Amino acid sequence: MPSATLLAFDFSLRRVGVAVGNTLTREGQPLRTLTSEGDARFAAIAALLAEWQPDALVVGVPRHPDGAPHENTARAQRFARQLHGRFGLPVHEVDERYTTTEAAALGARDLDAAAAALMLSQYFNEQQP
């Protein structure tokens, strides 16, 4: 299987954590958290895409503990559609429940980027080897 690079996004209205990983290591590494909004946010994402040249993107989709959707579920899914529409890359959704809590328990300094890395590692784990 050829190596592929992926960027992952932990979306919220105020911040978006970003992580990078590849199919060889199958692990996510935190990059940074974007705090810009609107067009400035997408310009920052475009710069990251130019730098990392990912083959696909992963977006964390929040849900209630029982798996039911809530208001931020639809917002994250809209963000995923916007990424696909703007950049034309495949976008995969992954359940992001408890990733920020896990990142905090691990002592992460940048919780949003660390949560994105955990989501990306989770995505790799859910794929066939």
Protein backbone atom coordinates (compact mmCIF):
# COMPACT_ATOMS: atom_id res chain seq x y z
CA MET A 1 0.00 0.00 0.00
CA PRO A 2 1.45 3.41 -0.90
CA SER A 3 2.04 5.94 1.83
CA ALA A 4 -0.65 8.59 2.25
CA THR A 5 -0.59 11.72 4.40
CA LEU A 6 -3.73 12.85 6.21
CA LEU A 7 -4.61 16.00 8.14
CA ALA A 8 -7.19 15.79 10.93
CA PHE A 9 -9.35 18.57 12.33
CA ASP A 10 -10.96 18.88 15.76
CA PHE A 11 -13.64 21.45 14.87
CA SER A 12 -15.33 23.95 17.16
CA LEU A 13 -16.77 27.38 16.50
CA ARG A 14 -13.82 29.17 18.12
CA ARG A 15 -10.89 26.80 17.57
CA VAL A 16 -9.85 24.05 15.20
CA GLY A 17 -7.14 21.65 16.32
CA VAL A 18 -5.02 20.21 13.52
CA ALA A 19 -2.90 17.05 13.40
CA VAL A 20 -0.96 15.21 10.71
CA GLY A 21 -0.24 11.54 10.18
CA ASN A 22 0.47 8.98 7.50
CA THR A 23 -0.55 5.47 6.65
CA LEU A 24 2.94 4.11 7.35
CA THR A 25 3.18 5.15 11.00
CA ARG A 26 -0.62 5.05 11.52
CA GLU A 27 -0.32 7.70 14.25
CA GLY A 28 -1.47 11.28 14.50
CA GLN A 29 0.90 14.06 15.57
CA PRO A 30 -0.47 17.38 16.86
CA LEU A 31 0.37 20.40 14.70
CA ARG A 32 -1.41 23.49 16.01
CA THR A 33 -4.74 25.07 16.82
CA LEU A 34 -6.29 27.61 14.49
CA THR A 35 -8.19 30.43 16.18
CA SER A 36 -9.23 32.39 13.09
CA GLU A 37 -12.79 32.29 11.78
CA GLY A 38 -14.52 32.36 8.40
CA ASP A 39 -12.37 33.02 5.35
CA ALA A 40 -9.27 33.55 7.50
CA ARG A 41 -9.72 30.05 8.96
CA PHE A 42 -9.94 28.52 5.49
CA ALA A 43 -6.89 30.53 4.37
CA ALA A 44 -4.93 29.07 7.31
CA ILE A 45 -6.14 25.59 6.36
CA ALA A 46 -5.13 26.20 2.73
CA ALA A 47 -1.63 27.08 3.93
CA LEU A 48 -1.44 23.83 5.93
CA LEU A 49 -2.65 21.86 2.91
CA ALA A 50 0.02 23.50 0.75
CA GLU A 51 2.68 22.64 3.33
CA TRP A 52 1.68 19.03 4.05
CA GLN A 53 0.08 18.02 0.71
CA PRO A 54 -2.35 15.57 2.32
CA ASP A 55 -4.11 12.87 0.35
CA ALA A 56 -7.23 13.02 2.54
CA LEU A 57 -8.71 14.83 5.54
CA VAL A 58 -10.35 13.59 8.74
CA VAL A 59 -12.89 15.60 10.72
CA GLY A 60 -13.99 14.74 14.23
CA VAL A 61 -17.75 14.70 14.68
CA PRO A 62 -19.03 15.16 18.24
CA ARG A 63 -21.97 13.22 19.62
CA HIS A 64 -23.68 12.73 22.96
CA PRO A 65 -22.27 9.89 25.11
CA ASP A 66 -25.07 7.60 23.86
CA GLY A 67 -24.10 8.33 20.24
CA ALA A 68 -27.02 10.63 19.52
CA PRO A 69 -26.28 13.76 17.47
CA HIS A 70 -26.47 17.28 18.91
CA GLU A 71 -26.14 20.83 17.54
CA ASN A 72 -22.35 20.59 17.12
CA THR A 73 -22.68 17.32 15.21
CA ALA A 74 -24.30 19.14 12.29
CA ARG A 75 -21.76 21.99 12.51
CA ALA A 76 -18.81 19.58 12.28
CA GLN A 77 -20.43 17.75 9.37
CA ARG A 78 -20.98 21.08 7.59
CA PHE A 79 -17.30 21.93 8.16
CA ALA A 80 -16.36 18.55 6.62
CA ARG A 81 -18.50 19.31 3.55
CA GLN A 82 -16.93 22.78 3.28
CA LEU A 83 -13.43 21.27 3.35
CA HIS A 84 -14.34 18.86 0.58
CA GLY A 85 -16.01 21.59 -1.47
CA ARG A 86 -13.16 24.08 -1.12
CA PHE A 87 -10.20 21.75 -1.49
CA GLY A 88 -11.55 18.73 -3.39
CA LEU A 89 -9.93 16.17 -1.10
CA PRO A 90 -11.66 13.11 0.35
CA VAL A 91 -12.96 13.90 3.84
CA HIS A 92 -13.60 11.14 6.39
CA GLU A 93 -15.61 11.64 9.57
CA VAL A 94 -14.62 10.01 12.85
CA ASP A 95 -16.35 9.92 16.24
CA GLU A 96 -14.55 12.41 18.46
CA ARG A 97 -16.22 11.65 21.78
CA TYR A 98 -13.84 12.00 24.73
CA THR A 99 -10.75 12.91 22.69
CA THR A 100 -10.31 16.26 24.44
CA THR A 101 -10.75 14.58 27.83
CA GLU A 102 -8.17 11.96 26.86
CA ALA A 103 -5.78 14.66 25.61
CA ALA A 104 -6.12 16.50 28.94
CA ALA A 105 -5.50 13.27 30.87
CA LEU A 106 -2.32 12.77 28.84
CA GLY A 107 -1.13 16.26 29.83
CA ALA A 108 -1.32 17.84 26.38
CA ARG A 109 -0.44 21.54 26.21
CA ASP A 110 -2.55 22.16 23.10
CA LEU A 111 -5.73 20.19 23.81
CA ASP A 112 -7.37 20.82 20.44
CA ALA A 113 -4.36 19.73 18.36
CA ALA A 114 -3.80 16.73 20.66
CA ALA A 115 -7.47 15.75 20.31
CA ALA A 116 -7.10 15.94 16.52
CA ALA A 117 -4.07 13.64 16.76
CA LEU A 118 -6.04 11.14 18.84
CA MET A 119 -8.87 11.23 16.29
CA LEU A 120 -6.43 10.59 13.47
CA SER A 121 -4.88 7.65 15.31
CA GLN A 122 -8.40 6.34 15.93
CA TYR A 123 -9.19 6.69 12.22
CA PHE A 124 -6.08 4.68 11.32
CA ASN A 125 -7.02 2.01 13.88
CA GLU A 126 -10.49 1.67 12.34
CA GLN A 127 -9.04 1.05 8.85
CA GLN A 128 -7.94 -2.34 7.60
CA PRO A 129 -4.17 -2.87 7.94
